[in-house]
Amino acid sequence: MLIEKQRWAGIRDGSVTVLFRRWRHRQASAGKIYRTAAGRIMVEQADIVAPSRIRAMDARAAGYGSIAQVLADLRGAEGDPIYLLRIRLVDEPDPRTELANTDQLSDGDIARITTRLARMDAVSPIGPWTIPTLRLIEELPATRAPDLAARLGREPDRFKVDVRKLKALGLTLSLDVGYQLSPRGVAYLRTR
């Protein structure tokens, strides 16, 4: 979920507890946690609200001075529904980070990772990509994603999507520029 930079501090300090979005289709669900630039956000409520039903207190909880400011700031097509999201920052550690920092792999861990990577390779239209991508990140940490993609003959946006899949398994870490293997990724490649 994309959150405007001017809302990040308020989300972190708890003064912003509402977001308004104009979406053709719902893009967030109540009860789910989303990773955002502001941190991990729990969406506690996600309801469609008519413009005439937006309350001043909800506009203030979203960081706006008025309902008119909320409506003026909404992106999307005029006829699309407006969603009111009640949110809170999740202060617990990100399980992905904890997983990535685990470098002691059991035989079961290795088997599960190998199975997941094999499945990703099997359904990929480009064929096996997981181990070559991990090896390239190992060889060239902190290298721009387009440069890594070019070395593999890949389209950069698709490459980034695939690296996020590896990150979800705890095998890579995102840097300000590029990626690096996580301790878990290093430990897994040692078994190969």
C-alpha atoms as a PDB file:
ATOM      1  CA  MET A   1       0.000   0.000   0.000  1.00  0.00           C
ATOM      2  CA  LEU A   2       1.393   3.387  -0.968  1.00  0.00           C
ATOM      3  CA  ILE A   3       1.167   6.070   1.686  1.00  0.00           C
ATOM      4  CA  GLU A   4       1.983   9.717   1.074  1.00  0.00           C
ATOM      5  CA  LYS A   5       5.261  10.798   2.662  1.00  0.00           C
ATOM      6  CA  GLN A   6       3.581  13.625   4.570  1.00  0.00           C
ATOM      7  CA  ARG A   7       1.549  11.011   6.519  1.00  0.00           C
ATOM      8  CA  TRP A   8       4.510   8.835   7.629  1.00  0.00           C
ATOM      9  CA  ALA A   9       5.439  10.763  10.783  1.00  0.00           C
ATOM     10  CA  GLY A  10       1.803  10.970  11.880  1.00  0.00           C
ATOM     11  CA  ILE A  11       1.317   7.252  11.398  1.00  0.00           C
ATOM     12  CA  ARG A  12       4.471   6.556  13.394  1.00  0.00           C
ATOM     13  CA  ASP A  13       3.489   8.872  16.272  1.00  0.00           C
ATOM     14  CA  GLY A  14      -0.151   7.732  16.250  1.00  0.00           C
ATOM     15  CA  SER A  15      -1.724  11.058  15.234  1.00  0.00           C
ATOM     16  CA  VAL A  16      -2.773   9.705  11.801  1.00  0.00           C
ATOM     17  CA  THR A  17      -5.178   6.804  12.259  1.00  0.00           C
ATOM     18  CA  VAL A  18      -7.309   7.177   9.130  1.00  0.00           C
ATOM     19  CA  LEU A  19      -6.520   7.047   5.418  1.00  0.00           C
ATOM     20  CA  PHE A  20      -8.878   7.945   2.585  1.00  0.00           C
ATOM     21  CA  ARG A  21      -8.510   6.307  -0.811  1.00  0.00           C
ATOM     22  CA  ARG A  22     -10.512   6.437  -4.053  1.00  0.00           C
ATOM     23  CA  TRP A  23     -10.193   3.005  -5.623  1.00  0.00           C
ATOM     24  CA  ARG A  24     -12.131   1.329  -8.403  1.00  0.00           C
ATOM     25  CA  HIS A  25     -11.607  -1.983  -6.555  1.00  0.00           C
ATOM     26  CA  ARG A  26     -10.773  -2.513  -2.894  1.00  0.00           C
ATOM     27  CA  GLN A  27      -7.009  -2.681  -2.442  1.00  0.00           C
ATOM     28  CA  ALA A  28      -6.862  -3.217   1.325  1.00  0.00           C
ATOM     29  CA  SER A  29      -8.837  -5.439   3.661  1.00  0.00           C
ATOM     30  CA  ALA A  30      -9.653  -5.144   7.335  1.00  0.00           C
ATOM     31  CA  GLY A  31      -7.552  -7.389   9.546  1.00  0.00           C
ATOM     32  CA  LYS A  32      -4.525  -7.455   7.228  1.00  0.00           C
ATOM     33  CA  ILE A  33      -1.054  -6.055   7.811  1.00  0.00           C
ATOM     34  CA  TYR A  34       0.626  -4.172   4.974  1.00  0.00           C
ATOM     35  CA  ARG A  35       4.289  -3.258   4.611  1.00  0.00           C
ATOM     36  CA  THR A  36       4.610   0.412   3.744  1.00  0.00           C
ATOM     37  CA  ALA A  37       7.304   3.073   3.713  1.00  0.00           C
ATOM     38  CA  ALA A  38       5.755   4.356   6.967  1.00  0.00           C
ATOM     39  CA  GLY A  39       6.156   0.933   8.588  1.00  0.00           C
ATOM     40  CA  ARG A  40       3.938  -2.098   8.978  1.00  0.00           C
ATOM     41  CA  ILE A  41       0.307  -0.972   9.040  1.00  0.00           C
ATOM     42  CA  MET A  42      -2.699  -2.913  10.326  1.00  0.00           C
ATOM     43  CA  VAL A  43      -5.928  -2.009   8.542  1.00  0.00           C
ATOM     44  CA  GLU A  44      -8.557  -2.361  11.249  1.00  0.00           C
ATOM     45  CA  GLN A  45     -11.485  -1.189   9.146  1.00  0.00           C
ATOM     46  CA  ALA A  46     -11.978  -0.631   5.412  1.00  0.00           C
ATOM     47  CA  ASP A  47     -15.368   0.748   4.431  1.00  0.00           C
ATOM     48  CA  ILE A  48     -16.795   2.635   1.481  1.00  0.00           C
ATOM     49  CA  VAL A  49     -17.959   6.075   2.533  1.00  0.00           C
ATOM     50  CA  ALA A  50     -20.009   8.595   0.564  1.00  0.00           C
ATOM     51  CA  PRO A  51     -18.392  12.025   0.357  1.00  0.00           C
ATOM     52  CA  SER A  52     -21.349  13.507   2.248  1.00  0.00           C
ATOM     53  CA  ARG A  53     -20.761  11.031   5.113  1.00  0.00           C
ATOM     54  CA  ILE A  54     -17.105  11.898   5.742  1.00  0.00           C
ATOM     55  CA  ARG A  55     -16.850  13.372   9.241  1.00  0.00           C
ATOM     56  CA  ALA A  56     -14.593  16.266  10.227  1.00  0.00           C
ATOM     57  CA  MET A  57     -13.014  14.179  12.999  1.00  0.00           C
ATOM     58  CA  ASP A  58     -12.038  11.505  10.450  1.00  0.00           C
ATOM     59  CA  ALA A  59     -10.544  14.178   8.169  1.00  0.00           C
ATOM     60  CA  ARG A  60      -8.439  15.412  11.129  1.00  0.00           C
ATOM     61  CA  ALA A  61      -7.454  11.803  12.002  1.00  0.00           C
ATOM     62  CA  ALA A  62      -6.199  11.514   8.404  1.00  0.00           C
ATOM     63  CA  GLY A  63      -4.039  14.639   8.828  1.00  0.00           C
ATOM     64  CA  TYR A  64      -6.288  17.086   6.975  1.00  0.00           C
ATOM     65  CA  GLY A  65      -7.728  20.385   8.199  1.00  0.00           C
ATOM     66  CA  SER A  66     -11.108  19.843   6.559  1.00  0.00           C
ATOM     67  CA  ILE A  67     -13.334  17.468   4.634  1.00  0.00           C
ATOM     68  CA  ALA A  68     -12.835  19.659   1.558  1.00  0.00           C
ATOM     69  CA  GLN A  69      -9.076  19.044   1.760  1.00  0.00           C
ATOM     70  CA  VAL A  70      -9.674  15.273   1.885  1.00  0.00           C
ATOM     71  CA  LEU A  71     -11.883  15.393  -1.193  1.00  0.00           C
ATOM     72  CA  ALA A  72      -9.485  17.663  -3.086  1.00  0.00           C
ATOM     73  CA  ASP A  73      -6.549  15.348  -2.343  1.00  0.00           C
ATOM     74  CA  LEU A  74      -8.191  12.095  -3.492  1.00  0.00           C
ATOM     75  CA  ARG A  75      -6.722  10.503  -6.594  1.00  0.00           C
ATOM     76  CA  GLY A  76      -8.610   8.254  -8.974  1.00  0.00           C
ATOM     77  CA  ALA A  77     -11.684   8.604 -11.139  1.00  0.00           C
ATOM     78  CA  GLU A  78     -14.435  10.824  -9.777  1.00  0.00           C
ATOM     79  CA  GLY A  79     -17.008   8.012  -9.869  1.00  0.00           C
ATOM     80  CA  ASP A  80     -14.881   5.457  -8.020  1.00  0.00           C
ATOM     81  CA  PRO A  81     -15.807   4.642  -4.431  1.00  0.00           C
ATOM     82  CA  ILE A  82     -14.054   6.371  -1.543  1.00  0.00           C
ATOM     83  CA  TYR A  83     -12.656   4.073   1.136  1.00  0.00           C
ATOM     84  CA  LEU A  84     -12.112   5.058   4.741  1.00  0.00           C
ATOM     85  CA  LEU A  85      -9.351   2.951   6.280  1.00  0.00           C
ATOM     86  CA  ARG A  86      -8.834   2.911  10.041  1.00  0.00           C
ATOM     87  CA  ILE A  87      -5.204   2.006  10.611  1.00  0.00           C
ATOM     88  CA  ARG A  88      -2.576   1.563  13.275  1.00  0.00           C
ATOM     89  CA  LEU A  89       1.159   1.055  13.238  1.00  0.00           C
ATOM     90  CA  VAL A  90       2.283  -2.471  14.072  1.00  0.00           C
ATOM     91  CA  ASP A  91       5.262  -2.194  16.413  1.00  0.00           C
ATOM     92  CA  GLU A  92       6.117  -5.897  16.511  1.00  0.00           C
ATOM     93  CA  PRO A  93       9.160  -7.059  14.548  1.00  0.00           C
ATOM     94  CA  ASP A  94       8.535  -7.957  10.932  1.00  0.00           C
ATOM     95  CA  PRO A  95       8.501 -11.773  10.711  1.00  0.00           C
ATOM     96  CA  ARG A  96      10.304 -11.506   7.352  1.00  0.00           C
ATOM     97  CA  THR A  97      13.203  -9.712   9.023  1.00  0.00           C
ATOM     98  CA  GLU A  98      13.397 -12.297  11.781  1.00  0.00           C
ATOM     99  CA  LEU A  99      13.287 -15.082   9.188  1.00  0.00           C
ATOM    100  CA  ALA A 100      15.991 -13.401   7.078  1.00  0.00           C
ATOM    101  CA  ASN A 101      18.302 -13.144  10.091  1.00  0.00           C
ATOM    102  CA  THR A 102      18.031 -16.861  10.867  1.00  0.00           C
ATOM    103  CA  ASP A 103      21.180 -18.488   9.551  1.00  0.00           C
ATOM    104  CA  GLN A 104      20.824 -21.854  11.293  1.00  0.00           C
ATOM    105  CA  LEU A 105      18.912 -24.011   8.813  1.00  0.00           C
ATOM    106  CA  SER A 106      17.604 -27.442   9.624  1.00  0.00           C
ATOM    107  CA  ASP A 107      17.315 -30.144   6.991  1.00  0.00           C
ATOM    108  CA  GLY A 108      13.584 -29.393   6.948  1.00  0.00           C
ATOM    109  CA  ASP A 109      14.238 -25.677   6.338  1.00  0.00           C
ATOM    110  CA  ILE A 110      16.551 -26.498   3.442  1.00  0.00           C
ATOM    111  CA  ALA A 111      14.018 -28.906   1.946  1.00  0.00           C
ATOM    112  CA  ARG A 112      11.187 -26.352   2.245  1.00  0.00           C
ATOM    113  CA  ILE A 113      13.242 -23.588   0.625  1.00  0.00           C
ATOM    114  CA  THR A 114      14.401 -25.930  -2.162  1.00  0.00           C
ATOM    115  CA  THR A 115      10.807 -27.009  -2.831  1.00  0.00           C
ATOM    116  CA  ARG A 116       9.553 -23.399  -2.950  1.00  0.00           C
ATOM    117  CA  LEU A 117      12.343 -22.315  -5.293  1.00  0.00           C
ATOM    118  CA  ALA A 118      11.714 -25.320  -7.552  1.00  0.00           C
ATOM    119  CA  ARG A 119       8.010 -24.395  -7.744  1.00  0.00           C
ATOM    120  CA  MET A 120       8.865 -20.793  -8.658  1.00  0.00           C
ATOM    121  CA  ASP A 121      11.229 -22.005 -11.361  1.00  0.00           C
ATOM    122  CA  ALA A 122       8.691 -24.503 -12.707  1.00  0.00           C
ATOM    123  CA  VAL A 123       5.930 -21.901 -13.239  1.00  0.00           C
ATOM    124  CA  SER A 124       8.208 -19.189 -14.584  1.00  0.00           C
ATOM    125  CA  PRO A 125       7.887 -18.367 -18.291  1.00  0.00           C
ATOM    126  CA  ILE A 126      11.670 -17.764 -18.405  1.00  0.00           C
ATOM    127  CA  GLY A 127      12.596 -21.077 -16.800  1.00  0.00           C
ATOM    128  CA  PRO A 128      14.828 -21.511 -13.751  1.00  0.00           C
ATOM    129  CA  TRP A 129      15.735 -18.103 -12.339  1.00  0.00           C
ATOM    130  CA  THR A 130      15.900 -18.437  -8.542  1.00  0.00           C
ATOM    131  CA  ILE A 131      19.430 -19.785  -7.979  1.00  0.00           C
ATOM    132  CA  PRO A 132      21.004 -17.678 -10.759  1.00  0.00           C
ATOM    133  CA  THR A 133      19.383 -14.587  -9.211  1.00  0.00           C
ATOM    134  CA  LEU A 134      20.599 -15.467  -5.710  1.00  0.00           C
ATOM    135  CA  ARG A 135      24.109 -16.128  -7.024  1.00  0.00           C
ATOM    136  CA  LEU A 136      24.169 -12.824  -8.890  1.00  0.00           C
ATOM    137  CA  ILE A 137      23.032 -10.901  -5.790  1.00  0.00           C
ATOM    138  CA  GLU A 138      25.718 -12.732  -3.819  1.00  0.00           C
ATOM    139  CA  GLU A 139      28.328 -11.745  -6.397  1.00  0.00           C
ATOM    140  CA  LEU A 140      27.148  -8.128  -6.838  1.00  0.00           C
ATOM    141  CA  PRO A 141      25.518  -6.827  -3.645  1.00  0.00           C
ATOM    142  CA  ALA A 142      24.306  -3.212  -3.633  1.00  0.00           C
ATOM    143  CA  THR A 143      24.031  -3.178  -7.427  1.00  0.00           C
ATOM    144  CA  ARG A 144      21.098  -1.413  -9.054  1.00  0.00           C
ATOM    145  CA  ALA A 145      18.227  -3.735  -9.969  1.00  0.00           C
ATOM    146  CA  PRO A 146      18.228  -2.683 -13.675  1.00  0.00           C
ATOM    147  CA  ASP A 147      21.929  -3.546 -13.893  1.00  0.00           C
ATOM    148  CA  LEU A 148      21.362  -6.963 -12.306  1.00  0.00           C
ATOM    149  CA  ALA A 149      18.363  -7.583 -14.572  1.00  0.00           C
ATOM    150  CA  ALA A 150      20.428  -6.706 -17.652  1.00  0.00           C
ATOM    151  CA  ARG A 151      23.119  -9.213 -16.658  1.00  0.00           C
ATOM    152  CA  LEU A 152      20.442 -11.921 -16.630  1.00  0.00           C
ATOM    153  CA  GLY A 153      18.729 -10.666 -19.798  1.00  0.00           C
ATOM    154  CA  ARG A 154      15.637  -9.782 -17.796  1.00  0.00           C
ATOM    155  CA  GLU A 155      13.185  -6.878 -17.809  1.00  0.00           C
ATOM    156  CA  PRO A 156      13.856  -4.773 -14.653  1.00  0.00           C
ATOM    157  CA  ASP A 157      10.291  -4.548 -13.322  1.00  0.00           C
ATOM    158  CA  ARG A 158       9.724  -8.304 -13.622  1.00  0.00           C
ATOM    159  CA  PHE A 159      13.132  -8.927 -12.056  1.00  0.00           C
ATOM    160  CA  LYS A 160      12.190  -6.756  -9.042  1.00  0.00           C
ATOM    161  CA  VAL A 161       8.941  -8.698  -8.595  1.00  0.00           C
ATOM    162  CA  ASP A 162      10.896 -11.944  -8.579  1.00  0.00           C
ATOM    163  CA  VAL A 163      13.446 -10.644  -6.071  1.00  0.00           C
ATOM    164  CA  ARG A 164      10.526  -9.696  -3.769  1.00  0.00           C
ATOM    165  CA  LYS A 165       9.501 -13.375  -3.888  1.00  0.00           C
ATOM    166  CA  LEU A 166      12.980 -14.310  -2.678  1.00  0.00           C
ATOM    167  CA  LYS A 167      12.730 -11.658   0.025  1.00  0.00           C
ATOM    168  CA  ALA A 168       9.418 -13.150   1.185  1.00  0.00           C
ATOM    169  CA  LEU A 169      11.300 -16.421   1.756  1.00  0.00           C
ATOM    170  CA  GLY A 170      13.846 -14.521   3.845  1.00  0.00           C
ATOM    171  CA  LEU A 171      16.664 -15.050   1.333  1.00  0.00           C
ATOM    172  CA  THR A 172      17.410 -11.459   0.290  1.00  0.00           C
ATOM    173  CA  LEU A 173      17.418  -7.993   1.826  1.00  0.00           C
ATOM    174  CA  SER A 174      16.657  -4.722   0.051  1.00  0.00           C
ATOM    175  CA  LEU A 175      19.241  -1.979   0.339  1.00  0.00           C
ATOM    176  CA  ASP A 176      18.963   1.704  -0.543  1.00  0.00           C
ATOM    177  CA  VAL A 177      20.520   0.628  -3.842  1.00  0.00           C
ATOM    178  CA  GLY A 178      20.079  -2.980  -4.880  1.00  0.00           C
ATOM    179  CA  TYR A 179      20.007  -6.054  -2.696  1.00  0.00           C
ATOM    180  CA  GLN A 180      22.156  -8.388  -0.679  1.00  0.00           C
ATOM    181  CA  LEU A 181      21.722 -11.925   0.518  1.00  0.00           C
ATOM    182  CA  SER A 182      20.315 -12.232   4.008  1.00  0.00           C
ATOM    183  CA  PRO A 183      22.058 -14.433   6.574  1.00  0.00           C
ATOM    184  CA  ARG A 184      19.427 -17.063   5.707  1.00  0.00           C
ATOM    185  CA  GLY A 185      20.187 -16.687   1.987  1.00  0.00           C
ATOM    186  CA  VAL A 186      23.935 -17.050   2.607  1.00  0.00           C
ATOM    187  CA  ALA A 187      23.344 -20.147   4.728  1.00  0.00           C
ATOM    188  CA  TYR A 188      21.057 -21.661   2.081  1.00  0.00           C
ATOM    189  CA  LEU A 189      23.494 -21.099  -0.781  1.00  0.00           C
ATOM    190  CA  ARG A 190      26.231 -22.803   1.264  1.00  0.00           C
ATOM    191  CA  THR A 191      24.105 -25.969   1.097  1.00  0.00           C
ATOM    192  CA  ARG A 192      23.966 -25.891  -2.721  1.00  0.00           C
END
